[in-house]
Amino acid sequence: MKKQMIDLTTWNRTHLFQSYLGTDYPYINATCNIDVAPLYKYCKEEGISFYFAMIYITVKMSNEIENFRYRFEGDTPYLVEENVAFATHLEKGFDVFQMVECKNYPTIKEAAQKNRENASIKLKESGLYQLEGRSDFLHISSIPWIHYSAFDRTIAKIGETNIPKVTYGKFKKEDDKIWMPFSVLTHHGLMDGYHVGLFVNKIEEYIGNNFSR
C-alpha cells in the first residue's frame, strides 16, 4: 500500500479536518436511487456479474476524486495511491458472508469475471483477516433483499473509522428504469457533501455514457 503524508500547513482542509476530529458522529451518511438499467442490460448480454461490474465502476470513480483517497491515523492525514474494493460476498447455499478483495483490472468485463471467480474461493474467518494493516480500500456491501430509503453501516470506532463505505440495495423497476438504492458513508473531516454528490454523479454519468444504446 502506497501513501503520501499530507502537510497540514498547506492543506486546504486542515481547519475542517481538525474541527471534526473528536466529534460524536463526524460522518456524512447519504442514500439515493440511481438508474442502473443500462449496466444491468449490458451485464445480462455479456453474461457477467452485475455486482462485480458495479464494484468496478464504484472504485474507478472513487479513484478520480482525491478526497475519496484521503485517510488518517490519529491526527495525521494521508493520501493513498488508489482505492481497492473489499466487498462482502454471499455464496449460494451459505448464510455467512466473506470479504473479497476486488483487484483493479483494466476493463469492466475482466474485473467482473475474475473478481467473481476469486469470490468463490472459500476463505477462513470470512476473510476479515485480509483487512489488517490496510487502509487503501473501500468497504462495499449489498443488501439485495431490501429496497431501502436509508441505511447505516457498522463503524468500528466512532470518530476514528474513516474508510469510505458503499452499499447497494434491491432493484425497483419502473418503465425503462431500474432504480437501485445507493448509500455512501464517509468521514466529514476528509470530504463534504459536494464530494459525495460528485461521486454519485460520476457513477451515474459513467453508466449512462458507456452502456446506454
Protein backbone atom coordinates (compact mmCIF):
# COMPACT_ATOMS: atom_id res chain seq x y z
CA MET A 1 0.00 0.00 0.00
CA LYS A 2 1.48 3.34 -1.09
CA LYS A 3 0.54 6.50 0.77
CA GLN A 4 1.65 10.12 0.91
CA MET A 5 1.53 12.17 4.10
CA ILE A 6 -0.42 15.44 3.87
CA ASP A 7 1.20 18.69 5.01
CA LEU A 8 -1.25 20.32 7.44
CA THR A 9 0.38 23.72 6.93
CA THR A 10 -0.65 23.83 3.25
CA TRP A 11 -3.69 21.52 3.05
CA ASN A 12 -6.89 23.41 2.22
CA ARG A 13 -8.94 21.15 4.53
CA THR A 14 -6.79 21.43 7.66
CA HIS A 15 -9.28 23.59 9.58
CA LEU A 16 -12.21 21.33 8.64
CA PHE A 17 -10.28 18.14 9.33
CA GLN A 18 -9.24 19.30 12.79
CA SER A 19 -12.70 20.63 13.65
CA TYR A 20 -14.32 17.22 13.04
CA LEU A 21 -11.76 15.21 14.99
CA GLY A 22 -13.21 14.11 18.32
CA THR A 23 -16.83 14.97 17.49
CA ASP A 24 -19.55 12.47 18.42
CA TYR A 25 -20.56 11.50 14.88
CA PRO A 26 -18.33 13.07 12.21
CA TYR A 27 -19.91 11.30 9.25
CA ILE A 28 -21.84 12.04 6.10
CA ASN A 29 -24.35 9.25 5.51
CA ALA A 30 -26.35 9.65 2.29
CA THR A 31 -28.71 7.38 0.35
CA CYS A 32 -30.13 7.93 -3.11
CA ASN A 33 -31.51 5.88 -6.01
CA ILE A 34 -29.52 5.55 -9.22
CA ASP A 35 -30.73 4.18 -12.54
CA VAL A 36 -28.66 1.08 -13.35
CA ALA A 37 -30.79 -0.17 -16.26
CA PRO A 38 -28.08 0.28 -18.95
CA LEU A 39 -25.48 -1.52 -16.87
CA TYR A 40 -27.90 -4.28 -15.88
CA LYS A 41 -28.75 -4.92 -19.55
CA TYR A 42 -25.06 -4.95 -20.51
CA CYS A 43 -24.23 -7.47 -17.79
CA LYS A 44 -27.05 -9.76 -18.88
CA GLU A 45 -25.93 -9.61 -22.50
CA GLU A 46 -22.29 -10.29 -21.61
CA GLY A 47 -23.08 -12.95 -19.01
CA ILE A 48 -21.13 -11.22 -16.23
CA SER A 49 -21.93 -10.39 -12.62
CA PHE A 50 -23.77 -7.10 -12.15
CA TYR A 51 -22.50 -6.84 -8.57
CA PHE A 52 -18.84 -7.10 -9.51
CA ALA A 53 -19.34 -4.84 -12.52
CA MET A 54 -20.87 -2.23 -10.21
CA ILE A 55 -17.92 -2.59 -7.84
CA TYR A 56 -15.55 -1.89 -10.74
CA ILE A 57 -17.38 1.36 -11.56
CA THR A 58 -17.64 2.41 -7.91
CA VAL A 59 -13.92 2.03 -7.31
CA LYS A 60 -12.95 3.58 -10.65
CA MET A 61 -14.98 6.71 -9.94
CA SER A 62 -13.75 6.94 -6.35
CA ASN A 63 -10.17 6.99 -7.58
CA GLU A 64 -10.95 10.04 -9.73
CA ILE A 65 -11.85 12.07 -6.63
CA GLU A 66 -8.87 12.83 -4.39
CA ASN A 67 -11.00 13.22 -1.25
CA PHE A 68 -12.11 9.59 -1.54
CA ARG A 69 -8.46 8.59 -1.22
CA TYR A 70 -7.87 10.59 1.98
CA ARG A 71 -7.33 8.62 5.20
CA PHE A 72 -5.95 9.43 8.63
CA GLU A 73 -4.35 7.81 11.66
CA GLY A 74 -4.70 9.69 14.91
CA ASP A 75 -4.46 13.33 13.87
CA THR A 76 -2.30 12.70 10.80
CA PRO A 77 -3.98 12.67 7.34
CA TYR A 78 -2.52 10.99 4.27
CA LEU A 79 -3.41 10.16 0.67
CA VAL A 80 -3.43 6.56 -0.61
CA GLU A 81 -2.35 5.95 -4.21
CA GLU A 82 -5.55 4.15 -5.20
CA ASN A 83 -8.62 2.56 -3.66
CA VAL A 84 -9.21 -1.18 -3.86
CA ALA A 85 -12.57 -2.73 -3.03
CA PHE A 86 -13.04 -5.15 -0.17
CA ALA A 87 -16.57 -6.35 -0.74
CA THR A 88 -18.94 -8.67 1.06
CA HIS A 89 -19.96 -11.73 -0.92
CA LEU A 90 -22.55 -14.36 -0.03
CA GLU A 91 -22.19 -17.57 -1.99
CA LYS A 92 -25.34 -19.56 -2.78
CA GLY A 93 -26.14 -22.08 -0.08
CA PHE A 94 -24.44 -20.04 2.67
CA ASP A 95 -25.80 -17.50 5.14
CA VAL A 96 -22.47 -16.05 6.33
CA PHE A 97 -20.70 -13.61 4.04
CA GLN A 98 -17.00 -13.37 3.37
CA MET A 99 -14.84 -10.38 2.46
CA VAL A 100 -13.39 -10.42 -1.05
CA GLU A 101 -10.57 -8.22 -2.34
CA CYS A 102 -11.56 -6.99 -5.79
CA LYS A 103 -8.49 -6.19 -7.83
CA ASN A 104 -8.42 -3.20 -10.18
CA TYR A 105 -8.40 -4.91 -13.57
CA PRO A 106 -8.22 -2.68 -16.70
CA THR A 107 -11.70 -3.47 -18.09
CA ILE A 108 -15.11 -3.91 -16.53
CA LYS A 109 -15.62 -7.29 -18.16
CA GLU A 110 -12.31 -8.68 -16.92
CA ALA A 111 -12.90 -7.25 -13.44
CA ALA A 112 -16.41 -8.70 -13.19
CA GLN A 113 -15.31 -12.13 -14.37
CA LYS A 114 -12.08 -12.54 -12.41
CA ASN A 115 -13.28 -10.99 -9.16
CA ARG A 116 -16.40 -13.17 -9.27
CA GLU A 117 -14.21 -16.25 -9.77
CA ASN A 118 -11.98 -15.22 -6.87
CA ALA A 119 -15.04 -14.68 -4.68
CA SER A 120 -15.98 -18.35 -4.99
CA ILE A 121 -12.81 -19.41 -3.15
CA LYS A 122 -13.71 -20.16 0.45
CA LEU A 123 -11.64 -18.20 2.98
CA LYS A 124 -11.07 -18.73 6.69
CA GLU A 125 -12.75 -16.43 9.20
CA SER A 126 -14.89 -14.87 6.47
CA GLY A 127 -11.74 -13.28 5.05
CA LEU A 128 -11.76 -10.44 7.58
CA TYR A 129 -8.07 -11.02 8.32
CA GLN A 130 -7.26 -9.52 4.90
CA LEU A 131 -8.17 -6.06 6.18
CA GLU A 132 -5.47 -5.94 8.86
CA GLY A 133 -2.95 -3.19 8.23
CA ARG A 134 -4.77 -1.92 5.14
CA SER A 135 -6.48 1.42 4.62
CA ASP A 136 -6.35 1.67 0.83
CA PHE A 137 -9.75 0.11 0.31
CA LEU A 138 -13.44 0.88 0.06
CA HIS A 139 -15.89 -1.19 2.09
CA ILE A 140 -18.57 -2.29 -0.37
CA SER A 141 -21.62 -4.33 0.51
CA SER A 142 -25.03 -5.22 -0.89
CA ILE A 143 -28.44 -5.72 0.68
CA PRO A 144 -30.25 -7.09 -2.39
CA TRP A 145 -33.29 -8.17 -0.39
CA ILE A 146 -34.44 -4.65 0.58
CA HIS A 147 -35.25 -1.56 -1.49
CA TYR A 148 -34.36 0.75 1.37
CA SER A 149 -34.58 4.52 1.71
CA ALA A 150 -31.79 4.83 4.28
CA PHE A 151 -29.02 2.59 5.51
CA ASP A 152 -26.39 2.72 8.26
CA ARG A 153 -23.13 0.78 8.34
CA THR A 154 -21.10 -0.64 11.20
CA ILE A 155 -18.45 1.76 12.50
CA ALA A 156 -15.66 0.10 14.47
CA LYS A 157 -14.65 3.21 16.42
CA ILE A 158 -16.74 6.36 16.25
CA GLY A 159 -14.61 9.25 15.07
CA GLU A 160 -11.61 7.09 14.17
CA THR A 161 -13.10 4.92 11.41
CA ASN A 162 -12.55 6.81 8.15
CA ILE A 163 -12.69 4.23 5.35
CA PRO A 164 -15.47 5.13 2.86
CA LYS A 165 -18.34 2.63 2.87
CA VAL A 166 -20.72 2.00 -0.02
CA THR A 167 -23.85 -0.17 -0.03
CA TYR A 168 -26.20 -1.27 -2.84
CA GLY A 169 -29.86 -2.22 -2.32
CA LYS A 170 -32.63 -4.14 -4.08
CA PHE A 171 -33.67 -3.10 -7.59
CA LYS A 172 -37.02 -1.47 -8.27
CA LYS A 173 -38.17 -1.42 -11.90
CA GLU A 174 -40.21 1.50 -13.24
CA ASP A 175 -40.86 1.59 -17.01
CA ASP A 176 -37.39 1.61 -18.64
CA LYS A 177 -35.63 2.48 -15.38
CA ILE A 178 -34.09 0.16 -12.80
CA TRP A 179 -33.62 2.07 -9.55
CA MET A 180 -31.07 0.80 -7.06
CA PRO A 181 -30.58 2.27 -3.57
CA PHE A 182 -27.01 3.53 -3.26
CA SER A 183 -25.60 4.52 0.14
CA VAL A 184 -22.34 6.29 0.95
CA LEU A 185 -20.82 6.72 4.42
CA THR A 186 -17.75 8.97 4.66
CA HIS A 187 -15.83 10.94 7.28
CA HIS A 188 -16.74 14.63 7.14
CA GLY A 189 -13.22 15.65 8.10
CA LEU A 190 -11.98 14.27 4.78
CA MET A 191 -14.74 15.40 2.47
CA ASP A 192 -18.00 17.33 2.20
CA GLY A 193 -21.42 16.74 0.68
CA TYR A 194 -20.05 18.25 -2.54
CA HIS A 195 -17.61 15.34 -2.94
CA VAL A 196 -20.27 12.74 -2.18
CA GLY A 197 -22.52 14.34 -4.77
CA LEU A 198 -19.67 14.43 -7.29
CA PHE A 199 -19.04 10.73 -6.66
CA VAL A 200 -22.68 9.77 -7.26
CA ASN A 201 -22.90 11.97 -10.35
CA LYS A 202 -19.75 10.42 -11.82
CA ILE A 203 -21.19 6.92 -11.36
CA GLU A 204 -24.48 7.92 -12.97
CA GLU A 205 -22.70 9.57 -15.89
CA TYR A 206 -20.35 6.63 -16.39
CA ILE A 207 -23.26 4.18 -16.57
CA GLY A 208 -25.26 6.46 -18.87
CA ASN A 209 -22.37 7.29 -21.19
CA ASN A 210 -20.86 3.82 -21.53
CA PHE A 211 -23.80 1.38 -21.57
CA SER A 212 -26.81 3.21 -22.99
CA ARG A 213 -27.64 2.03 -26.51
